[in-house]
Amino acid sequence: MSAPAFAVVGAKAERFAASPMLSLRLRITESSGVRVDAIALKVQIQLEVQRREYAPSERELLEELFGKPARYADTLKPLLWTHVSQMVLAFAGETEVDLHIPCSYDFEVAASFP
């Protein structure tokens, strides 16, 4: 049974994309020696907002939505950003692929609804 391990080894903004886009460089390692014919990835990307440190000016803005910092454990939860699909071609041992993540201004629209 194949058990690949995944690691993000880089990130960059795509400079010449038609719309804003990030690329994450994924390293996929299969250490059991099994040749992988293909992988159909469906990646769910979440923002771990509760793990981030916030500057005083940012905390002031967040207070309206999430309350005082003492309440962050109850009010700040991971936020689903997007789902991205990617096909990975055949490999043995290890490979790296770019995962392209489209970025939009949907956050501004979503934040305006109660």
C-alpha atoms as a PDB file:
ATOM      1  CA  MET A   1       0.000   0.000   0.000  1.00  0.00           C
ATOM      2  CA  SER A   2       1.347   3.383  -1.021  1.00  0.00           C
ATOM      3  CA  ALA A   3       1.567   6.076   1.660  1.00  0.00           C
ATOM      4  CA  PRO A   4       2.865   9.325   0.114  1.00  0.00           C
ATOM      5  CA  ALA A   5       3.985  12.206   2.305  1.00  0.00           C
ATOM      6  CA  PHE A   6       3.280  15.804   1.287  1.00  0.00           C
ATOM      7  CA  ALA A   7       5.218  18.962   2.147  1.00  0.00           C
ATOM      8  CA  VAL A   8       4.955  22.556   0.979  1.00  0.00           C
ATOM      9  CA  VAL A   9       8.483  23.599   0.031  1.00  0.00           C
ATOM     10  CA  GLY A  10       7.817  26.984  -1.538  1.00  0.00           C
ATOM     11  CA  ALA A  11       5.259  29.641  -2.371  1.00  0.00           C
ATOM     12  CA  LYS A  12       5.155  32.503  -4.826  1.00  0.00           C
ATOM     13  CA  ALA A  13       2.779  34.926  -6.482  1.00  0.00           C
ATOM     14  CA  GLU A  14       2.347  34.255 -10.188  1.00  0.00           C
ATOM     15  CA  ARG A  15       3.439  37.505 -11.836  1.00  0.00           C
ATOM     16  CA  PHE A  16       1.976  36.976 -15.296  1.00  0.00           C
ATOM     17  CA  ALA A  17      -1.367  35.314 -14.527  1.00  0.00           C
ATOM     18  CA  ALA A  18      -4.554  36.800 -15.993  1.00  0.00           C
ATOM     19  CA  SER A  19      -6.013  37.062 -12.494  1.00  0.00           C
ATOM     20  CA  PRO A  20      -4.304  37.001  -9.066  1.00  0.00           C
ATOM     21  CA  MET A  21      -2.836  33.575  -8.365  1.00  0.00           C
ATOM     22  CA  LEU A  22      -0.515  31.912  -5.848  1.00  0.00           C
ATOM     23  CA  SER A  23       1.582  28.832  -6.518  1.00  0.00           C
ATOM     24  CA  LEU A  24       2.560  26.417  -3.781  1.00  0.00           C
ATOM     25  CA  ARG A  25       5.412  24.042  -4.559  1.00  0.00           C
ATOM     26  CA  LEU A  26       4.486  20.588  -3.218  1.00  0.00           C
ATOM     27  CA  ARG A  27       7.022  17.833  -2.628  1.00  0.00           C
ATOM     28  CA  ILE A  28       5.461  14.376  -2.703  1.00  0.00           C
ATOM     29  CA  THR A  29       7.565  11.530  -1.323  1.00  0.00           C
ATOM     30  CA  GLU A  30       6.779   7.824  -1.602  1.00  0.00           C
ATOM     31  CA  SER A  31       9.318   6.075   0.624  1.00  0.00           C
ATOM     32  CA  SER A  32       7.962   2.508   0.458  1.00  0.00           C
ATOM     33  CA  GLY A  33       9.501   1.968  -2.999  1.00  0.00           C
ATOM     34  CA  VAL A  34       6.160   1.621  -4.777  1.00  0.00           C
ATOM     35  CA  ARG A  35       5.939   3.358  -8.163  1.00  0.00           C
ATOM     36  CA  VAL A  36       3.064   5.838  -8.232  1.00  0.00           C
ATOM     37  CA  ASP A  37       1.191   5.878 -11.553  1.00  0.00           C
ATOM     38  CA  ALA A  38      -0.858   9.005 -10.806  1.00  0.00           C
ATOM     39  CA  ILE A  39      -2.408  10.961  -7.953  1.00  0.00           C
ATOM     40  CA  ALA A  40      -5.638  12.928  -8.209  1.00  0.00           C
ATOM     41  CA  LEU A  41      -5.302  15.545  -5.471  1.00  0.00           C
ATOM     42  CA  LYS A  42      -8.232  17.485  -4.073  1.00  0.00           C
ATOM     43  CA  VAL A  43      -6.705  20.031  -1.704  1.00  0.00           C
ATOM     44  CA  GLN A  44      -8.693  21.946   0.890  1.00  0.00           C
ATOM     45  CA  ILE A  45      -6.925  25.122   1.964  1.00  0.00           C
ATOM     46  CA  GLN A  46      -7.821  26.664   5.302  1.00  0.00           C
ATOM     47  CA  LEU A  47      -6.584  29.800   7.008  1.00  0.00           C
ATOM     48  CA  GLU A  48      -5.455  29.053  10.563  1.00  0.00           C
ATOM     49  CA  VAL A  49      -6.334  32.524  11.840  1.00  0.00           C
ATOM     50  CA  GLN A  50      -6.205  31.571  15.518  1.00  0.00           C
ATOM     51  CA  ARG A  51      -2.508  30.651  15.258  1.00  0.00           C
ATOM     52  CA  ARG A  52      -1.424  34.039  13.907  1.00  0.00           C
ATOM     53  CA  GLU A  53      -0.061  36.877  16.013  1.00  0.00           C
ATOM     54  CA  TYR A  54      -1.925  40.149  15.485  1.00  0.00           C
ATOM     55  CA  ALA A  55      -0.489  43.655  15.800  1.00  0.00           C
ATOM     56  CA  PRO A  56      -2.348  46.071  18.111  1.00  0.00           C
ATOM     57  CA  SER A  57      -3.828  47.922  15.112  1.00  0.00           C
ATOM     58  CA  GLU A  58      -5.079  44.605  13.677  1.00  0.00           C
ATOM     59  CA  ARG A  59      -6.591  43.525  17.011  1.00  0.00           C
ATOM     60  CA  GLU A  60      -8.499  46.782  17.120  1.00  0.00           C
ATOM     61  CA  LEU A  61     -10.070  46.034  13.720  1.00  0.00           C
ATOM     62  CA  LEU A  62     -10.791  42.400  14.632  1.00  0.00           C
ATOM     63  CA  GLU A  63     -12.582  43.347  17.851  1.00  0.00           C
ATOM     64  CA  GLU A  64     -15.738  44.285  15.952  1.00  0.00           C
ATOM     65  CA  LEU A  65     -15.990  40.800  14.440  1.00  0.00           C
ATOM     66  CA  PHE A  66     -14.412  38.535  17.051  1.00  0.00           C
ATOM     67  CA  GLY A  67     -14.433  40.406  20.357  1.00  0.00           C
ATOM     68  CA  LYS A  68     -11.492  40.998  22.683  1.00  0.00           C
ATOM     69  CA  PRO A  69      -8.321  38.892  22.262  1.00  0.00           C
ATOM     70  CA  ALA A  70      -9.252  36.925  25.387  1.00  0.00           C
ATOM     71  CA  ARG A  71     -12.219  35.513  23.417  1.00  0.00           C
ATOM     72  CA  TYR A  72     -10.195  34.495  20.349  1.00  0.00           C
ATOM     73  CA  ALA A  73     -10.088  30.841  21.459  1.00  0.00           C
ATOM     74  CA  ASP A  74     -13.893  30.764  21.172  1.00  0.00           C
ATOM     75  CA  THR A  75     -14.450  33.147  18.266  1.00  0.00           C
ATOM     76  CA  LEU A  76     -11.512  32.605  15.868  1.00  0.00           C
ATOM     77  CA  LYS A  77     -11.778  29.291  14.038  1.00  0.00           C
ATOM     78  CA  PRO A  78     -10.072  28.007  10.881  1.00  0.00           C
ATOM     79  CA  LEU A  79     -11.615  29.543   7.767  1.00  0.00           C
ATOM     80  CA  LEU A  80     -12.073  27.532   4.597  1.00  0.00           C
ATOM     81  CA  TRP A  81     -10.424  29.440   1.771  1.00  0.00           C
ATOM     82  CA  THR A  82     -10.788  27.208  -1.279  1.00  0.00           C
ATOM     83  CA  HIS A  83     -10.588  23.758  -2.833  1.00  0.00           C
ATOM     84  CA  VAL A  84      -8.062  23.087  -5.600  1.00  0.00           C
ATOM     85  CA  SER A  85      -7.707  19.958  -7.754  1.00  0.00           C
ATOM     86  CA  GLN A  86      -4.412  18.812  -9.261  1.00  0.00           C
ATOM     87  CA  MET A  87      -3.279  15.748 -11.191  1.00  0.00           C
ATOM     88  CA  VAL A  88       0.187  14.418 -10.382  1.00  0.00           C
ATOM     89  CA  LEU A  89       1.858  12.347 -13.087  1.00  0.00           C
ATOM     90  CA  ALA A  90       3.691   9.056 -12.534  1.00  0.00           C
ATOM     91  CA  PHE A  91       6.800   9.091 -10.370  1.00  0.00           C
ATOM     92  CA  ALA A  92       9.014   6.893  -8.230  1.00  0.00           C
ATOM     93  CA  GLY A  93      10.490   8.047  -4.938  1.00  0.00           C
ATOM     94  CA  GLU A  94       9.859  11.781  -5.000  1.00  0.00           C
ATOM     95  CA  THR A  95       8.450  14.517  -7.199  1.00  0.00           C
ATOM     96  CA  GLU A  96       7.546  18.186  -6.969  1.00  0.00           C
ATOM     97  CA  VAL A  97       4.500  19.897  -8.498  1.00  0.00           C
ATOM     98  CA  ASP A  98       3.088  23.417  -8.508  1.00  0.00           C
ATOM     99  CA  LEU A  99      -0.366  23.813  -7.001  1.00  0.00           C
ATOM    100  CA  HIS A 100      -2.010  26.910  -8.498  1.00  0.00           C
ATOM    101  CA  ILE A 101      -4.438  28.742  -6.216  1.00  0.00           C
ATOM    102  CA  PRO A 102      -6.674  31.394  -7.753  1.00  0.00           C
ATOM    103  CA  CYS A 103      -7.161  34.430  -5.519  1.00  0.00           C
ATOM    104  CA  SER A 104     -10.136  36.748  -5.685  1.00  0.00           C
ATOM    105  CA  TYR A 105     -11.762  39.514  -3.727  1.00  0.00           C
ATOM    106  CA  ASP A 106     -14.532  37.215  -2.450  1.00  0.00           C
ATOM    107  CA  PHE A 107     -13.311  37.794   1.117  1.00  0.00           C
ATOM    108  CA  GLU A 108     -14.515  41.398   0.949  1.00  0.00           C
ATOM    109  CA  VAL A 109     -17.931  40.287  -0.269  1.00  0.00           C
ATOM    110  CA  ALA A 110     -18.225  37.512   2.327  1.00  0.00           C
ATOM    111  CA  ALA A 111     -17.148  39.810   5.169  1.00  0.00           C
ATOM    112  CA  SER A 112     -19.911  42.302   4.353  1.00  0.00           C
ATOM    113  CA  PHE A 113     -22.712  39.805   5.035  1.00  0.00           C
ATOM    114  CA  PRO A 114     -23.869  39.315   8.647  1.00  0.00           C
END
